[in-house]
């Protein structure tokens, strides 16, 4: 902490060691990365808005009430079990139980406080979560590889081909925010904070369980390190890690068990709901069949792009393994990749499922941090053109839902 920070805190009557001072210092450190993230996503929203106006649609509806957003907004308005609108598939009274409760619950909380309506509340929460996620991604990257790499990690996350999701009323930004800060808490030896963040992550999305798995991995690593410690050295207490490991999966398990009780189908009730959507875990056989069809039939661009993103993700995971990151970071990322690639269901959505797997971008971010300015401009400019253009295509022109 700098002397300037201490003087400012003293003038404000705040102790230098307080949480407020640390948060302000961390926010100032992340400010350049957050400014770049905001500029990129604002450009994306502007491109989408211009196309919406060009086609006679309202930008707010295009951003806030698209595909899965309608399901979350429906749960926020009416709770679970309400009949699905006639234009939404599948028309099953249990279908909305596939959508985890944190995001619609937060929407209801915001609308109870602010008179802005469900759609506006959903967008406000999603955009706030995306900004908090960018901050957490920077914190993880800067802690492990330095500020420059942390900034590029945020920029790359904002420039993904499917980064338009970060501007929609979807739950991926919320999960990424909780996951990034949970991982940062693990990396900075705050296991109870990590467990406390993993709990709501498990209520945000089905693949939020990956955060709990990362917390468990951290507990195992700490237990192994303590067991190897020399007898004369003081051993660190393990109870915070094991307490965090017990706390972390409570949200995910709680909702899954509640769905089982609500449907009367027992512990497997949630997985029966997933089967309504054609979703189950088949160890990637359905993904391979989808890729095979790309070579046999004339499929839309969105499917080819999904296959390309999957291929690049697998390559980046290999590079991340070779980089030997901290085990919780690797376990979290591998779990997300396994769930996305190993599950059946909607093939075009797999890149969206991989959006919270931001550690996949670490090798590229480190490479850009070491690259020459000309290389950086060329790479980020090309990614920006792809991301902004493809985002408009996905949202306004693609024949298949996200």
Protein backbone atom coordinates (compact mmCIF):
# COMPACT_ATOMS: atom_id res chain seq x y z
CA UNK A 1 0.00 0.00 0.00
CA UNK A 2 1.42 3.36 -1.00
CA UNK A 3 1.96 6.34 1.32
CA UNK A 4 -0.60 8.24 -0.76
CA UNK A 5 -3.19 5.58 -0.04
CA UNK A 6 -2.43 5.67 3.68
CA UNK A 7 -2.66 9.49 3.79
CA UNK A 8 -5.94 9.44 1.90
CA UNK A 9 -7.34 6.83 4.24
CA UNK A 10 -6.23 8.77 7.31
CA UNK A 11 -7.83 11.93 5.99
CA UNK A 12 -11.07 10.07 5.45
CA UNK A 13 -10.99 8.56 8.91
CA UNK A 14 -10.46 5.04 7.59
CA UNK A 15 -7.85 2.70 9.03
CA UNK A 16 -5.17 1.81 6.44
CA UNK A 17 -5.78 -1.90 6.97
CA UNK A 18 -9.52 -1.69 6.45
CA UNK A 19 -11.37 -3.53 3.72
CA UNK A 20 -12.44 -0.24 2.15
CA UNK A 21 -8.87 0.89 1.57
CA UNK A 22 -7.83 -2.46 0.13
CA UNK A 23 -10.81 -2.46 -2.23
CA UNK A 24 -10.05 1.05 -3.44
CA UNK A 25 -6.41 0.18 -4.01
CA UNK A 26 -7.34 -2.99 -5.90
CA UNK A 27 -9.88 -1.10 -7.99
CA UNK A 28 -7.31 1.56 -8.94
CA UNK A 29 -4.88 -1.19 -9.91
CA UNK A 30 -7.49 -2.84 -12.12
CA UNK A 31 -8.84 0.43 -13.58
CA UNK A 32 -7.02 0.23 -16.95
CA UNK A 33 -8.22 -3.34 -17.53
CA UNK A 34 -11.77 -2.45 -16.52
CA UNK A 35 -11.77 0.61 -18.76
CA UNK A 36 -10.71 -1.52 -21.74
CA UNK A 37 -13.36 -4.09 -20.90
CA UNK A 38 -16.06 -1.43 -20.66
CA UNK A 39 -14.99 0.13 -23.97
CA UNK A 40 -15.09 -3.24 -25.77
CA UNK A 41 -18.45 -4.28 -24.39
CA UNK A 42 -19.95 -0.82 -25.02
CA UNK A 43 -18.80 -1.15 -28.63
CA UNK A 44 -20.51 -4.53 -28.77
CA UNK A 45 -23.74 -3.14 -27.36
CA UNK A 46 -23.59 -0.24 -29.81
CA UNK A 47 -23.14 -2.59 -32.79
CA UNK A 48 -26.06 -4.68 -31.60
CA UNK A 49 -28.23 -1.63 -31.02
CA UNK A 50 -27.49 -0.22 -34.49
CA UNK A 51 -28.45 -3.52 -36.12
CA UNK A 52 -31.58 -3.77 -33.97
CA UNK A 53 -32.71 -0.31 -35.02
CA UNK A 54 -31.87 -1.13 -38.63
CA UNK A 55 -34.16 -4.17 -38.51
CA UNK A 56 -36.95 -2.43 -36.59
CA UNK A 57 -36.34 -4.09 -33.23
CA UNK A 58 -35.72 -2.58 -29.83
CA UNK A 59 -32.11 -3.05 -28.60
CA UNK A 60 -33.24 -3.60 -25.02
CA UNK A 61 -35.48 -6.50 -25.99
CA UNK A 62 -32.76 -8.00 -28.17
CA UNK A 63 -30.25 -7.86 -25.32
CA UNK A 64 -32.54 -8.64 -22.41
CA UNK A 65 -35.18 -11.05 -23.72
CA UNK A 66 -33.39 -13.50 -26.01
CA UNK A 67 -33.70 -17.31 -25.82
CA UNK A 68 -32.75 -18.46 -22.30
CA UNK A 69 -33.23 -14.94 -20.96
CA UNK A 70 -36.98 -15.42 -21.36
CA UNK A 71 -36.90 -18.47 -19.11
CA UNK A 72 -35.01 -16.62 -16.37
CA UNK A 73 -37.34 -13.63 -16.65
CA UNK A 74 -40.32 -15.97 -16.47
CA UNK A 75 -39.05 -17.53 -13.24
CA UNK A 76 -38.38 -14.05 -11.84
CA UNK A 77 -41.93 -12.94 -12.65
CA UNK A 78 -43.97 -16.02 -11.76
CA UNK A 79 -41.72 -18.51 -9.97
CA UNK A 80 -41.14 -22.09 -11.03
CA UNK A 81 -43.82 -24.21 -12.62
CA UNK A 82 -45.58 -21.52 -14.63
CA UNK A 83 -46.73 -22.58 -18.10
CA UNK A 84 -44.19 -21.72 -20.78
CA UNK A 85 -45.26 -19.22 -23.44
CA UNK A 86 -46.50 -20.89 -26.60
CA UNK A 87 -43.40 -19.92 -28.59
CA UNK A 88 -40.92 -21.41 -26.13
CA UNK A 89 -39.65 -24.98 -26.22
CA UNK A 90 -40.08 -27.40 -24.53
CA UNK A 91 -43.72 -26.87 -23.45
CA UNK A 92 -43.33 -28.83 -20.23
CA UNK A 93 -44.37 -27.45 -16.80
CA UNK A 94 -41.13 -28.80 -15.32
CA UNK A 95 -38.86 -27.34 -18.01
CA UNK A 96 -38.03 -24.13 -16.12
CA UNK A 97 -36.56 -26.17 -13.23
CA UNK A 98 -33.48 -26.63 -15.39
CA UNK A 99 -32.65 -22.95 -14.74
CA UNK A 100 -30.90 -22.40 -11.43
CA UNK A 101 -32.44 -19.88 -9.02
CA UNK A 102 -29.74 -17.33 -8.15
CA UNK A 103 -30.15 -15.02 -11.14
CA UNK A 104 -33.97 -14.88 -11.17
CA UNK A 105 -33.91 -14.50 -7.39
CA UNK A 106 -31.58 -11.52 -7.69
CA UNK A 107 -33.84 -10.03 -10.37
CA UNK A 108 -36.81 -10.26 -8.02
CA UNK A 109 -34.75 -8.64 -5.29
CA UNK A 110 -33.75 -5.72 -7.51
CA UNK A 111 -37.31 -5.12 -8.72
CA UNK A 112 -38.49 -5.11 -5.12
CA UNK A 113 -36.13 -2.21 -4.41
CA UNK A 114 -36.00 -0.34 -7.73
CA UNK A 115 -39.03 0.41 -9.95
CA UNK A 116 -37.27 -0.60 -13.17
CA UNK A 117 -39.07 -3.75 -14.25
CA UNK A 118 -37.86 -7.30 -14.63
CA UNK A 119 -36.20 -6.88 -18.04
CA UNK A 120 -34.18 -3.83 -16.99
CA UNK A 121 -33.24 -5.49 -13.70
CA UNK A 122 -31.95 -8.52 -15.57
CA UNK A 123 -29.73 -6.39 -17.79
CA UNK A 124 -28.51 -4.30 -14.85
CA UNK A 125 -27.50 -7.44 -12.95
CA UNK A 126 -25.88 -9.06 -15.98
CA UNK A 127 -23.80 -5.99 -16.85
CA UNK A 128 -22.77 -5.51 -13.22
CA UNK A 129 -21.80 -9.17 -12.96
CA UNK A 130 -19.75 -8.91 -16.17
CA UNK A 131 -17.82 -5.94 -14.74
CA UNK A 132 -17.21 -7.74 -11.45
CA UNK A 133 -16.12 -10.81 -13.42
CA UNK A 134 -13.62 -8.72 -15.41
CA UNK A 135 -12.23 -7.34 -12.16
CA UNK A 136 -11.88 -10.84 -10.72
CA UNK A 137 -10.24 -12.14 -13.90
CA UNK A 138 -7.71 -9.31 -13.71
CA UNK A 139 -7.06 -10.06 -10.04
CA UNK A 140 -6.29 -13.71 -10.81
CA UNK A 141 -4.13 -12.91 -13.82
CA UNK A 142 -2.21 -10.11 -12.13
CA UNK A 143 -1.59 -12.19 -9.02
CA UNK A 144 -0.10 -15.05 -11.00
CA UNK A 145 1.54 -13.36 -14.00
CA UNK A 146 1.66 -9.60 -13.40
CA UNK A 147 -0.55 -6.62 -14.21
CA UNK A 148 0.14 -6.60 -17.94
CA UNK A 149 -0.86 -10.24 -18.34
CA UNK A 150 -3.88 -9.69 -16.13
CA UNK A 151 -5.01 -6.81 -18.36
CA UNK A 152 -4.64 -8.92 -21.51
CA UNK A 153 -6.55 -11.74 -19.82
CA UNK A 154 -9.50 -9.37 -19.37
CA UNK A 155 -9.20 -8.03 -22.92
CA UNK A 156 -9.17 -11.53 -24.41
CA UNK A 157 -12.22 -12.53 -22.35
CA UNK A 158 -14.03 -9.45 -23.67
CA UNK A 159 -13.04 -10.30 -27.26
CA UNK A 160 -14.10 -13.94 -27.40
CA UNK A 161 -16.25 -14.82 -30.42
CA UNK A 162 -19.20 -15.41 -28.08
CA UNK A 163 -18.44 -12.44 -25.82
CA UNK A 164 -21.81 -10.92 -26.72
CA UNK A 165 -23.14 -13.21 -23.96
CA UNK A 166 -21.40 -10.88 -21.50
CA UNK A 167 -23.92 -8.18 -22.51
CA UNK A 168 -27.07 -10.32 -22.37
CA UNK A 169 -29.40 -11.36 -19.56
CA UNK A 170 -27.63 -14.68 -19.21
CA UNK A 171 -26.03 -16.31 -16.18
CA UNK A 172 -22.51 -16.85 -17.53
CA UNK A 173 -21.28 -13.41 -16.34
CA UNK A 174 -22.68 -14.07 -12.87
CA UNK A 175 -21.00 -17.47 -12.61
CA UNK A 176 -17.72 -16.06 -13.95
CA UNK A 177 -17.74 -13.28 -11.35
CA UNK A 178 -18.28 -15.68 -8.47
CA UNK A 179 -15.76 -18.19 -9.84
CA UNK A 180 -13.02 -15.62 -10.51
CA UNK A 181 -13.17 -14.19 -7.02
CA UNK A 182 -13.42 -17.64 -5.44
CA UNK A 183 -10.27 -18.67 -7.29
CA UNK A 184 -8.56 -15.45 -6.25
CA UNK A 185 -9.50 -16.18 -2.65
CA UNK A 186 -7.91 -19.63 -2.95
CA UNK A 187 -4.77 -18.21 -4.54
CA UNK A 188 -4.41 -15.66 -1.73
CA UNK A 189 -5.07 -18.19 1.05
CA UNK A 190 -8.63 -17.17 1.97
CA UNK A 191 -10.38 -20.56 1.86
CA UNK A 192 -13.50 -19.56 3.79
CA UNK A 193 -14.13 -16.71 1.35
CA UNK A 194 -13.68 -19.17 -1.49
CA UNK A 195 -16.20 -21.56 0.01
CA UNK A 196 -18.65 -18.72 0.65
CA UNK A 197 -18.41 -17.66 -3.02
CA UNK A 198 -18.60 -21.22 -4.32
CA UNK A 199 -21.95 -21.72 -2.58
CA UNK A 200 -23.86 -19.11 -4.66
CA UNK A 201 -21.87 -20.16 -7.75
CA UNK A 202 -23.57 -23.54 -7.38
CA UNK A 203 -26.92 -21.75 -7.40
CA UNK A 204 -26.08 -19.79 -10.55
CA UNK A 205 -25.60 -22.52 -13.16
CA UNK A 206 -25.32 -26.33 -13.32
CA UNK A 207 -21.61 -26.10 -14.15
CA UNK A 208 -21.11 -23.87 -11.10
CA UNK A 209 -20.20 -27.10 -9.32
CA UNK A 210 -16.75 -26.66 -10.91
CA UNK A 211 -16.02 -23.92 -8.36
CA UNK A 212 -16.77 -26.30 -5.48
CA UNK A 213 -14.49 -28.91 -7.06
CA UNK A 214 -11.70 -26.31 -7.18
CA UNK A 215 -12.19 -25.54 -3.48
CA UNK A 216 -11.99 -29.26 -2.68
CA UNK A 217 -8.79 -29.51 -4.73
CA UNK A 218 -7.29 -26.65 -2.72
CA UNK A 219 -8.13 -28.45 0.53
CA UNK A 220 -6.48 -31.64 -0.71
CA UNK A 221 -3.36 -29.74 -1.83
CA UNK A 222 -3.10 -27.99 1.54
CA UNK A 223 -3.56 -31.26 3.43
CA UNK A 224 -0.82 -32.89 1.36
CA UNK A 225 1.53 -29.94 1.89
CA UNK A 226 0.88 -30.00 5.63
CA UNK A 227 1.56 -33.73 5.80
CA UNK A 228 4.93 -33.20 4.08
CA UNK A 229 5.93 -30.31 6.36
CA UNK A 230 8.91 -30.83 8.63
CA UNK A 231 7.99 -31.77 12.21
CA UNK A 232 9.76 -28.77 13.77
CA UNK A 233 7.93 -26.26 11.59
CA UNK A 234 4.54 -24.97 12.76
CA UNK A 235 1.75 -26.56 10.76
CA UNK A 236 -1.02 -24.41 9.37
CA UNK A 237 -4.54 -25.28 10.50
CA UNK A 238 -6.50 -27.23 7.92
CA UNK A 239 -9.98 -26.65 9.31
CA UNK A 240 -10.66 -23.50 7.18
CA UNK A 241 -9.99 -25.49 4.01
CA UNK A 242 -12.11 -28.45 5.01
CA UNK A 243 -14.88 -26.12 6.20
CA UNK A 244 -14.75 -24.37 2.82
CA UNK A 245 -14.82 -27.73 1.02
CA UNK A 246 -17.97 -28.69 2.95
CA UNK A 247 -19.61 -25.31 2.37
CA UNK A 248 -18.77 -24.97 -1.33
CA UNK A 249 -21.19 -27.57 -2.83
CA UNK A 250 -24.14 -26.69 -0.56
CA UNK A 251 -25.80 -24.40 -3.11
CA UNK A 252 -25.61 -26.86 -5.99
CA UNK A 253 -26.62 -29.87 -3.91
CA UNK A 254 -29.38 -27.91 -2.19
CA UNK A 255 -31.05 -26.93 -5.46
CA UNK A 256 -30.68 -30.39 -7.02
CA UNK A 257 -32.23 -32.02 -3.95
CA UNK A 258 -35.00 -29.41 -3.86
CA UNK A 259 -35.89 -30.15 -7.49
CA UNK A 260 -36.00 -33.84 -6.65
CA UNK A 261 -38.36 -33.20 -3.75
CA UNK A 262 -40.44 -30.72 -5.78
CA UNK A 263 -40.93 -33.15 -8.64
CA UNK A 264 -41.40 -36.17 -6.38
CA UNK A 265 -38.67 -37.99 -8.29
CA UNK A 266 -36.13 -38.13 -5.48
CA UNK A 267 -32.44 -37.21 -5.80
CA UNK A 268 -32.48 -37.90 -9.55
CA UNK A 269 -35.32 -35.48 -10.22
CA UNK A 270 -33.11 -32.69 -11.52
CA UNK A 271 -31.44 -34.99 -14.04
CA UNK A 272 -34.87 -36.05 -15.29
CA UNK A 273 -35.63 -32.38 -15.86
CA UNK A 274 -32.43 -32.10 -17.86
CA UNK A 275 -33.58 -35.01 -20.02
CA UNK A 276 -36.61 -32.94 -20.99
CA UNK A 277 -34.09 -30.69 -22.71
CA UNK A 278 -32.21 -33.66 -24.17
CA UNK A 279 -29.29 -33.02 -21.85
CA UNK A 280 -27.25 -35.76 -20.20
CA UNK A 281 -23.59 -36.68 -19.83
CA UNK A 282 -22.34 -39.13 -22.48
CA UNK A 283 -18.57 -38.46 -22.26
CA UNK A 284 -18.51 -36.47 -25.50
CA UNK A 285 -20.08 -38.92 -27.94
CA UNK A 286 -22.80 -36.44 -28.95
CA UNK A 287 -20.19 -33.72 -29.43
CA UNK A 288 -18.18 -35.95 -31.75
CA UNK A 289 -21.32 -36.82 -33.73
CA UNK A 290 -22.08 -33.11 -34.11
CA UNK A 291 -18.59 -32.42 -35.40
CA UNK A 292 -18.87 -35.34 -37.81
CA UNK A 293 -22.08 -33.90 -39.26
CA UNK A 294 -20.23 -30.72 -40.17
CA UNK A 295 -18.21 -32.71 -42.72
CA UNK A 296 -21.25 -34.52 -44.13
CA UNK A 297 -23.91 -31.83 -44.39
CA UNK A 298 -24.25 -28.14 -45.18
CA UNK A 299 -24.59 -26.77 -41.64
CA UNK A 300 -24.99 -23.11 -40.54
CA UNK A 301 -22.00 -20.94 -39.67
CA UNK A 302 -22.85 -21.01 -35.97
CA UNK A 303 -22.16 -24.76 -35.83
CA UNK A 304 -18.81 -24.44 -37.58
CA UNK A 305 -17.81 -21.64 -35.21
CA UNK A 306 -18.84 -23.76 -32.23
CA UNK A 307 -16.61 -26.58 -33.47
CA UNK A 308 -13.73 -24.14 -33.97
CA UNK A 309 -14.13 -22.74 -30.44
CA UNK A 310 -14.18 -26.27 -29.00
CA UNK A 311 -11.01 -27.21 -30.89
CA UNK A 312 -9.18 -24.07 -29.75
CA UNK A 313 -10.38 -24.63 -26.17
CA UNK A 314 -8.91 -28.13 -26.10
CA UNK A 315 -5.61 -26.78 -27.43
CA UNK A 316 -5.59 -24.00 -24.85
CA UNK A 317 -6.31 -26.50 -22.08
CA UNK A 318 -3.25 -28.50 -23.14
CA UNK A 319 -1.14 -25.33 -23.10
CA UNK A 320 -2.52 -24.44 -19.69
CA UNK A 321 -1.55 -27.87 -18.34
CA UNK A 322 1.96 -27.42 -19.71
CA UNK A 323 2.13 -24.02 -17.99
CA UNK A 324 1.58 -25.81 -14.64
CA UNK A 325 -0.83 -23.33 -13.01
CA UNK A 326 -2.03 -23.78 -9.42
CA UNK A 327 -4.07 -26.97 -9.13
CA UNK A 328 -7.41 -25.31 -8.17
CA UNK A 329 -7.22 -23.15 -11.31
CA UNK A 330 -6.53 -26.19 -13.48
CA UNK A 331 -9.21 -28.34 -11.83
CA UNK A 332 -11.84 -25.62 -12.24
CA UNK A 333 -11.02 -25.15 -15.92
CA UNK A 334 -10.84 -28.86 -16.70
CA UNK A 335 -14.18 -29.44 -14.99
CA UNK A 336 -15.87 -26.75 -17.11
CA UNK A 337 -14.37 -28.15 -20.32
CA UNK A 338 -15.42 -31.69 -19.38
CA UNK A 339 -19.01 -30.64 -18.67
CA UNK A 340 -19.28 -28.58 -21.87
CA UNK A 341 -17.78 -31.20 -24.16
CA UNK A 342 -19.04 -34.30 -22.40
CA UNK A 343 -22.70 -33.35 -22.23
CA UNK A 344 -25.37 -33.90 -24.83
CA UNK A 345 -27.73 -31.18 -25.84
CA UNK A 346 -27.44 -28.06 -27.87
CA UNK A 347 -24.15 -28.03 -29.76
CA UNK A 348 -24.17 -24.27 -30.60
CA UNK A 349 -24.36 -23.48 -26.87
CA UNK A 350 -21.08 -25.18 -25.97
CA UNK A 351 -18.95 -22.05 -26.54
CA UNK A 352 -21.31 -20.24 -24.17
CA UNK A 353 -20.81 -22.96 -21.56
CA UNK A 354 -17.06 -22.41 -21.90
CA UNK A 355 -17.29 -18.65 -21.32
CA UNK A 356 -16.60 -18.93 -17.54
CA UNK A 357 -13.45 -20.97 -18.29
CA UNK A 358 -11.33 -17.82 -18.51
CA UNK A 359 -8.09 -19.56 -17.36
CA UNK A 360 -7.99 -21.13 -20.83
CA UNK A 361 -6.91 -17.69 -22.04
CA UNK A 362 -3.89 -17.50 -19.72
CA UNK A 363 -1.32 -18.82 -22.27
CA UNK A 364 -2.48 -16.30 -24.88
CA UNK A 365 -2.56 -13.46 -22.34
CA UNK A 366 0.99 -14.19 -21.19
CA UNK A 367 2.15 -14.35 -24.81
CA UNK A 368 0.55 -10.97 -25.59
CA UNK A 369 2.10 -9.46 -22.45
CA UNK A 370 5.51 -10.35 -23.88
CA UNK A 371 4.75 -9.45 -27.50
CA UNK A 372 5.75 -6.35 -29.42
CA UNK A 373 3.22 -3.51 -29.67
CA UNK A 374 2.66 -4.13 -33.39
CA UNK A 375 1.78 -7.77 -32.71
CA UNK A 376 -0.56 -6.76 -29.90
CA UNK A 377 -2.41 -4.24 -32.08
CA UNK A 378 -2.76 -6.72 -34.94
CA UNK A 379 -3.97 -9.55 -32.72
CA UNK A 380 -6.43 -7.56 -30.63
CA UNK A 381 -7.73 -5.63 -33.64
CA UNK A 382 -8.46 -8.85 -35.51
CA UNK A 383 -10.17 -10.36 -32.47
CA UNK A 384 -12.24 -7.19 -32.01
CA UNK A 385 -13.50 -7.29 -35.59
CA UNK A 386 -14.39 -10.99 -35.24
CA UNK A 387 -16.03 -10.61 -31.82
CA UNK A 388 -18.13 -7.55 -32.61
CA UNK A 389 -19.22 -8.77 -36.03
CA UNK A 390 -19.94 -12.33 -34.93
CA UNK A 391 -21.78 -11.07 -31.86
CA UNK A 392 -24.25 -9.20 -34.05
CA UNK A 393 -24.64 -12.29 -36.24
CA UNK A 394 -25.30 -14.54 -33.25
CA UNK A 395 -27.86 -12.27 -31.71
CA UNK A 396 -29.69 -10.93 -34.74
CA UNK A 397 -29.08 -13.20 -37.72
CA UNK A 398 -28.11 -16.72 -36.64
CA UNK A 399 -30.81 -19.33 -37.43
CA UNK A 400 -30.18 -21.18 -34.15
CA UNK A 401 -30.49 -20.01 -30.53
CA UNK A 402 -27.47 -19.32 -28.35
